[in-house]
Amino acid sequence: MQPSPAVRYGVSVRARTPASSANLGPGFDSMALALELHDEVTVEAYEPAAGEPGVQIEVSGQGKGTVPLSEDHLVVRSLRAGLAHAVAAGAEPGPRPGLRLTCHNAIPHGRGLGSSAAAIAVGLILARGLLRRPDTLDDDAVLALATAAEGHPDNASAALFGGCTLSWTEPPAGPPVRARSVSLSVTPRLRAVVCVPDAELATSRARAMLPQLVPHADAAFNAGRAALLVHALTVRPDLLPAATEDRLHQEQRAPAMPATADLLHAVRRRGVAAVVSGAGPSLLVLGEGEAPLVAVREALAEGAGGERGAAGADGSWLVLPLPIDTIGTVLI
């Protein structure tokens, strides 16, 4: 069997992808921020011998022992989708290549930090790296494929392109997905702190808690705050406490993560912006200088976020001051 002419065999391709925090309060399913906490994945295409598996995966760090080591692995699925798109776009078809992956994961799973979007993004960019014609998998195609896999483009856009992104989909709503994204020039004064609990929360569970309908006044409130958030992130970070207010999803999900809600309110009482990161249960705190870290430490010191069994077995939190990732998912 001859190797696929579309794919480079025997070449090690490595890529890095960032964590991301979506929603940022009022920007539900449309705004996200990439953070300097990365997964790195290396892939090599090979010709499987008779009886040899078509995929070989090694995982270290987050997800070791829990993620599938098969074609069901999310990076593998995304790689396959990217290669299939390239063939459909004009790359020469050929036999299905074997894929040998090594994954070093630092992004926590099930914590609202975009681990699935990162896996999808890195798989698609690795597919581009394996292709003899990378132009058959351009940025528009990558964003469309990532959005189709994720269901919405917020985390996917930030993971792919870095920085703070605004994203949306355009008609038709069905396949092929037409996803768009633009990047904001975030003020260099912005500082981010992520508070990560021990416990996980499935995104599907968090989404199931949201009502089908919302009052018009709440929708108008969030639209105004989301517009203000753009200005706060780019020009006036002092406006972040007001700009990150939300009425659509955070309080509705609070019963599933009471410790997160408790810590969020304790930080905000100190005049510092705090939001649930994605679907939670991690918390994202934004501000200038040392204010975010100081507010988190003070809130934790007074016992906020400490309900037993809600933030982990002992109510502990991992506090991570993280720079904004401005690069996104890249081949190394």
Protein backbone atom coordinates (compact mmCIF):
# COMPACT_ATOMS: atom_id res chain seq x y z
CA MET A 1 0.00 0.00 0.00
CA GLN A 2 1.40 3.36 -1.02
CA PRO A 3 1.36 6.27 1.48
CA SER A 4 -1.21 9.02 1.02
CA PRO A 5 0.25 11.65 -1.36
CA ALA A 6 -1.48 14.37 0.70
CA VAL A 7 0.41 13.60 3.92
CA ARG A 8 4.08 13.80 4.87
CA TYR A 9 5.15 10.51 6.46
CA GLY A 10 7.98 10.01 8.95
CA VAL A 11 8.09 13.70 9.89
CA SER A 12 7.57 14.74 13.51
CA VAL A 13 5.21 17.73 13.78
CA ARG A 14 4.72 19.50 17.12
CA ALA A 15 2.17 22.14 18.12
CA ARG A 16 1.25 24.11 21.24
CA THR A 17 -2.25 25.28 22.18
CA PRO A 18 -3.47 27.57 25.01
CA ALA A 19 -6.16 27.35 27.62
CA SER A 20 -9.05 29.75 27.19
CA SER A 21 -11.75 31.33 29.31
CA ALA A 22 -15.08 31.92 27.56
CA ASN A 23 -18.05 34.21 28.21
CA LEU A 24 -16.12 36.74 30.37
CA GLY A 25 -19.39 37.46 32.14
CA PRO A 26 -21.85 39.01 29.67
CA GLY A 27 -20.28 37.74 26.41
CA PHE A 28 -22.08 34.39 26.50
CA ASP A 29 -20.94 32.01 23.71
CA SER A 30 -19.21 34.88 21.87
CA MET A 31 -16.23 36.23 23.84
CA ALA A 32 -13.15 34.42 25.09
CA LEU A 33 -9.62 35.06 26.31
CA ALA A 34 -6.58 32.85 25.66
CA LEU A 35 -4.27 32.20 28.61
CA GLU A 36 -0.66 31.07 28.87
CA LEU A 37 -1.32 27.54 30.07
CA HIS A 38 -0.52 25.11 27.27
CA ASP A 39 -0.86 21.60 25.96
CA GLU A 40 1.83 20.38 23.55
CA VAL A 41 1.25 17.54 21.10
CA THR A 42 3.60 15.83 18.67
CA VAL A 43 2.37 13.70 15.78
CA GLU A 44 3.98 11.54 13.12
CA ALA A 45 2.19 9.83 10.26
CA TYR A 46 3.16 6.23 9.46
CA GLU A 47 2.07 3.27 7.37
CA PRO A 48 0.48 0.70 9.71
CA ALA A 49 1.77 -2.80 9.12
CA ALA A 50 -0.66 -5.69 8.93
CA GLY A 51 -2.34 -6.06 12.30
CA GLU A 52 -0.74 -2.87 13.64
CA PRO A 53 -3.09 -0.29 15.22
CA GLY A 54 -3.84 2.82 13.20
CA VAL A 55 -3.18 5.11 16.14
CA GLN A 56 -0.61 5.10 18.96
CA ILE A 57 -0.97 7.64 21.80
CA GLU A 58 1.07 8.55 24.86
CA VAL A 59 -0.37 11.03 27.37
CA SER A 60 1.30 12.78 30.29
CA GLY A 61 -0.13 15.38 32.65
CA GLN A 62 -3.83 16.24 32.63
CA GLY A 63 -6.08 13.46 31.36
CA LYS A 64 -3.51 10.68 31.75
CA GLY A 65 -5.37 7.47 32.52
CA THR A 66 -8.77 8.94 31.65
CA VAL A 67 -8.73 10.05 28.00
CA PRO A 68 -9.15 7.33 25.35
CA LEU A 69 -6.01 6.04 23.64
CA SER A 70 -7.81 5.28 20.40
CA GLU A 71 -9.48 6.92 17.42
CA ASP A 72 -11.91 8.44 19.96
CA HIS A 73 -9.16 10.70 21.34
CA LEU A 74 -10.28 14.26 20.58
CA VAL A 75 -6.95 15.31 19.05
CA VAL A 76 -7.05 12.28 16.73
CA ARG A 77 -10.64 12.98 15.71
CA SER A 78 -9.73 16.58 14.90
CA LEU A 79 -6.63 15.52 12.98
CA ARG A 80 -8.71 13.14 10.90
CA ALA A 81 -11.31 15.85 10.25
CA GLY A 82 -8.62 18.29 9.12
CA LEU A 83 -7.02 15.76 6.76
CA ALA A 84 -10.42 14.80 5.34
CA HIS A 85 -11.25 18.45 4.69
CA ALA A 86 -7.94 18.94 2.90
CA VAL A 87 -8.68 16.02 0.57
CA ALA A 88 -12.15 17.43 -0.12
CA ALA A 89 -10.52 20.81 -0.85
CA GLY A 90 -8.18 19.39 -3.47
CA ALA A 91 -5.37 17.51 -1.74
CA GLU A 92 -4.67 14.15 -3.35
CA PRO A 93 -6.46 11.30 -1.58
CA GLY A 94 -4.77 8.15 -0.46
CA PRO A 95 -4.79 5.46 2.24
CA ARG A 96 -5.69 6.46 5.78
CA PRO A 97 -2.38 7.18 7.56
CA GLY A 98 -1.47 5.83 10.95
CA LEU A 99 -0.94 8.51 13.59
CA ARG A 100 1.59 8.37 16.42
CA LEU A 101 0.86 11.02 19.11
CA THR A 102 2.65 12.23 22.22
CA CYS A 103 0.55 14.60 24.38
CA HIS A 104 1.88 16.71 27.24
CA ASN A 105 -1.20 18.29 28.84
CA ALA A 106 -1.23 21.18 31.31
CA ILE A 107 -4.81 22.41 30.78
CA PRO A 108 -7.16 20.93 33.44
CA HIS A 109 -10.09 18.93 32.09
CA GLY A 110 -13.69 19.72 33.02
CA ARG A 111 -12.83 23.02 34.72
CA GLY A 112 -14.08 25.59 32.20
CA LEU A 113 -10.64 26.34 30.74
CA GLY A 114 -11.25 25.21 27.17
CA SER A 115 -9.47 21.85 27.26
CA SER A 116 -11.70 20.40 24.53
CA ALA A 117 -11.31 23.47 22.32
CA ALA A 118 -7.54 23.26 22.79
CA ALA A 119 -7.55 19.58 21.77
CA ILE A 120 -9.61 20.35 18.68
CA ALA A 121 -7.48 23.35 17.73
CA VAL A 122 -4.19 21.51 18.14
CA GLY A 123 -5.48 18.54 16.16
CA LEU A 124 -6.46 20.76 13.23
CA ILE A 125 -3.19 22.69 13.24
CA LEU A 126 -1.23 19.43 13.43
CA ALA A 127 -3.20 18.22 10.40
CA ARG A 128 -2.07 21.34 8.56
CA GLY A 129 1.51 20.57 9.58
CA LEU A 130 1.29 17.06 8.14
CA LEU A 131 -0.11 18.20 4.80
CA ARG A 132 2.05 18.62 1.72
CA ARG A 133 -0.32 21.44 0.75
CA PRO A 134 -1.15 23.37 3.95
CA ASP A 135 -3.23 25.84 1.92
CA THR A 136 -5.98 23.20 1.65
CA LEU A 137 -6.64 23.74 5.38
CA ASP A 138 -6.71 27.52 5.81
CA ASP A 139 -7.78 29.56 8.85
CA ASP A 140 -11.41 29.84 7.73
CA ALA A 141 -11.66 26.07 7.34
CA VAL A 142 -9.96 25.44 10.68
CA LEU A 143 -12.35 27.78 12.52
CA ALA A 144 -15.38 26.23 10.79
CA LEU A 145 -14.27 22.70 11.67
CA ALA A 146 -13.46 23.66 15.26
CA THR A 147 -16.83 25.38 15.66
CA ALA A 148 -18.68 22.39 14.25
CA ALA A 149 -16.91 20.14 16.75
CA GLU A 150 -17.39 22.48 19.74
CA GLY A 151 -20.91 23.68 18.93
CA HIS A 152 -19.98 27.37 19.24
CA PRO A 153 -16.89 29.38 18.28
CA ASP A 154 -15.90 31.21 21.49
CA ASN A 155 -13.25 28.92 23.03
CA ALA A 156 -12.25 27.64 19.59
CA SER A 157 -11.46 31.16 18.33
CA ALA A 158 -9.36 32.07 21.37
CA ALA A 159 -7.50 28.74 21.28
CA LEU A 160 -6.75 29.08 17.58
CA PHE A 161 -5.87 32.75 17.33
CA GLY A 162 -4.91 33.82 20.87
CA GLY A 163 -5.70 37.05 22.69
CA CYS A 164 -9.29 38.14 23.24
CA THR A 165 -11.68 37.14 20.48
CA LEU A 166 -15.21 38.05 19.47
CA SER A 167 -16.85 35.29 17.43
CA TRP A 168 -20.13 34.51 15.77
CA THR A 169 -21.74 32.23 13.18
CA GLU A 170 -23.49 33.30 10.01
CA PRO A 171 -26.42 31.72 8.15
CA PRO A 172 -26.91 29.02 7.17
CA ALA A 173 -26.82 27.60 10.69
CA GLY A 174 -26.41 24.02 9.48
CA PRO A 175 -23.36 22.41 7.89
CA PRO A 176 -21.07 23.68 6.65
CA VAL A 177 -20.71 26.00 9.65
CA ARG A 178 -19.80 29.57 8.73
CA ALA A 179 -17.91 30.86 11.75
CA ARG A 180 -16.23 34.24 12.02
CA SER A 181 -13.89 35.78 14.57
CA VAL A 182 -12.13 39.07 15.22
CA SER A 183 -9.43 39.84 17.76
CA LEU A 184 -9.30 42.72 20.24
CA SER A 185 -6.11 44.61 21.08
CA VAL A 186 -6.26 44.03 24.83
CA THR A 187 -4.69 46.72 27.01
CA PRO A 188 -1.25 45.66 28.31
CA ARG A 189 -2.45 46.76 31.75
CA LEU A 190 -4.80 43.77 31.97
CA ARG A 191 -3.88 41.04 34.46
CA ALA A 192 -5.63 37.69 34.84
CA VAL A 193 -5.79 35.22 37.71
CA VAL A 194 -7.46 31.83 37.37
CA CYS A 195 -8.76 29.94 40.42
CA VAL A 196 -9.07 26.23 39.70
CA PRO A 197 -10.97 23.91 42.10
CA ASP A 198 -10.38 20.19 42.49
CA ALA A 199 -13.86 19.27 41.29
CA GLU A 200 -14.91 18.96 37.65
CA LEU A 201 -18.19 20.08 36.08
CA ALA A 202 -19.39 18.72 32.76
CA THR A 203 -20.28 21.45 30.27
CA SER A 204 -23.41 19.49 29.31
CA ARG A 205 -24.64 19.63 32.91
CA ALA A 206 -23.94 23.36 33.16
CA ARG A 207 -25.79 24.04 29.91
CA ALA A 208 -28.78 21.98 31.02
CA MET A 209 -29.31 24.42 33.90
CA LEU A 210 -29.97 27.38 31.61
CA PRO A 211 -33.57 28.44 30.88
CA GLN A 212 -34.89 28.33 27.33
CA LEU A 213 -36.24 31.89 27.58
CA VAL A 214 -34.87 35.01 29.30
CA PRO A 215 -36.58 38.32 30.12
CA HIS A 216 -36.10 41.09 27.59
CA ALA A 217 -34.65 43.32 30.32
CA ASP A 218 -31.95 40.75 31.12
CA ALA A 219 -31.02 40.37 27.45
CA ALA A 220 -30.75 44.15 27.11
CA PHE A 221 -28.65 44.32 30.28
CA ASN A 222 -26.16 41.77 28.96
CA ALA A 223 -25.97 43.43 25.54
CA GLY A 224 -25.02 46.71 27.18
CA ARG A 225 -22.47 45.09 29.47
CA ALA A 226 -20.90 43.12 26.61
CA ALA A 227 -20.47 46.35 24.61
CA LEU A 228 -18.90 48.02 27.65
CA LEU A 229 -16.62 45.00 28.14
CA VAL A 230 -14.99 45.59 24.75
CA HIS A 231 -14.08 49.13 25.86
CA ALA A 232 -12.91 47.94 29.28
CA LEU A 233 -10.64 45.24 27.86
CA THR A 234 -9.05 47.49 25.28
CA VAL A 235 -8.97 50.96 26.86
CA ARG A 236 -10.49 51.26 30.36
CA PRO A 237 -9.73 48.27 32.60
CA ASP A 238 -11.02 50.29 35.56
CA LEU A 239 -14.51 49.64 34.12
CA LEU A 240 -14.13 45.84 34.31
CA PRO A 241 -16.20 45.36 37.51
CA ALA A 242 -19.27 46.88 35.84
CA ALA A 243 -18.47 45.49 32.38
CA THR A 244 -18.35 41.86 33.59
CA GLU A 245 -21.81 41.84 35.20
CA ASP A 246 -24.10 39.13 33.85
CA ARG A 247 -27.75 38.08 34.15
CA LEU A 248 -27.93 35.19 31.67
CA HIS A 249 -25.94 32.25 32.97
CA GLN A 250 -23.80 32.63 36.11
CA GLU A 251 -26.44 32.76 38.84
CA GLN A 252 -28.49 30.15 36.96
CA ARG A 253 -25.56 27.72 37.20
CA ALA A 254 -24.54 28.63 40.75
CA PRO A 255 -26.34 25.67 42.41
CA ALA A 256 -23.97 23.30 40.54
CA MET A 257 -20.88 25.15 41.83
CA PRO A 258 -21.71 26.92 45.12
CA ALA A 259 -18.05 27.35 46.11
CA THR A 260 -17.31 29.10 42.82
CA ALA A 261 -20.29 31.41 43.29
CA ASP A 262 -19.20 32.15 46.84
CA LEU A 263 -15.66 33.04 45.79
CA LEU A 264 -16.94 35.10 42.84
CA HIS A 265 -19.11 37.26 45.12
CA ALA A 266 -16.33 37.64 47.69
CA VAL A 267 -13.89 38.90 45.05
CA ARG A 268 -16.43 41.25 43.49
CA ARG A 269 -17.25 42.73 46.91
CA ARG A 270 -13.65 43.93 46.88
CA GLY A 271 -14.27 45.92 43.70
CA VAL A 272 -12.46 43.48 41.38
CA ALA A 273 -13.97 41.82 38.31
CA ALA A 274 -14.59 38.09 38.68
CA VAL A 275 -16.50 35.77 36.34
CA VAL A 276 -17.14 32.07 35.98
CA SER A 277 -14.64 30.72 33.45
CA GLY A 278 -16.62 29.15 30.64
CA ALA A 279 -19.11 26.67 32.08
CA GLY A 280 -17.10 26.54 35.33
CA PRO A 281 -16.22 25.67 37.95
CA SER A 282 -12.99 27.69 37.58
CA LEU A 283 -13.06 31.42 38.29
CA LEU A 284 -11.41 34.12 36.17
CA VAL A 285 -10.41 37.35 37.92
CA LEU A 286 -9.43 40.40 35.85
CA GLY A 287 -7.96 43.76 36.74
CA GLU A 288 -4.85 45.90 36.85
CA GLY A 289 -1.57 45.33 38.65
CA GLU A 290 -1.74 43.14 41.75
CA ALA A 291 -5.43 43.84 42.43
CA PRO A 292 -6.77 40.51 41.06
CA LEU A 293 -4.29 38.38 43.02
CA VAL A 294 -4.71 40.41 46.22
CA ALA A 295 -8.52 40.16 46.02
CA VAL A 296 -8.38 36.38 45.52
CA ARG A 297 -5.98 35.85 48.42
CA GLU A 298 -8.06 38.02 50.75
CA ALA A 299 -11.30 36.27 49.77
CA LEU A 300 -9.79 32.82 50.30
CA ALA A 301 -8.25 33.90 53.60
CA GLU A 302 -11.68 34.87 54.92
CA GLY A 303 -13.02 31.42 53.98
CA ALA A 304 -14.80 32.20 50.71
CA GLY A 305 -15.16 29.31 48.29
CA GLY A 306 -14.63 26.77 51.01
CA GLU A 307 -17.80 24.66 51.04
CA ARG A 308 -16.72 21.10 51.67
CA GLY A 309 -17.09 18.93 48.59
CA ALA A 310 -17.89 21.84 46.29
CA ALA A 311 -14.44 23.14 45.44
CA GLY A 312 -12.74 19.83 46.16
CA ALA A 313 -12.41 17.44 49.05
CA ASP A 314 -10.90 20.09 51.30
CA GLY A 315 -12.27 23.19 49.59
CA SER A 316 -8.81 23.96 48.14
CA TRP A 317 -8.10 26.11 45.10
CA LEU A 318 -5.17 26.30 42.72
CA VAL A 319 -4.51 30.01 42.13
CA LEU A 320 -2.73 30.75 38.83
CA PRO A 321 -1.71 34.26 37.73
CA LEU A 322 -1.58 33.75 33.95
CA PRO A 323 -0.44 36.14 31.21
CA ILE A 324 -2.68 36.56 28.17
CA ASP A 325 -1.63 34.22 25.35
CA THR A 326 -1.39 36.38 22.22
CA ILE A 327 -0.29 33.67 19.76
CA GLY A 328 -2.89 30.90 19.86
CA THR A 329 -2.26 27.42 18.49
CA VAL A 330 1.03 27.25 16.59
CA LEU A 331 3.37 24.73 15.05
CA ILE A 332 6.66 24.67 16.92
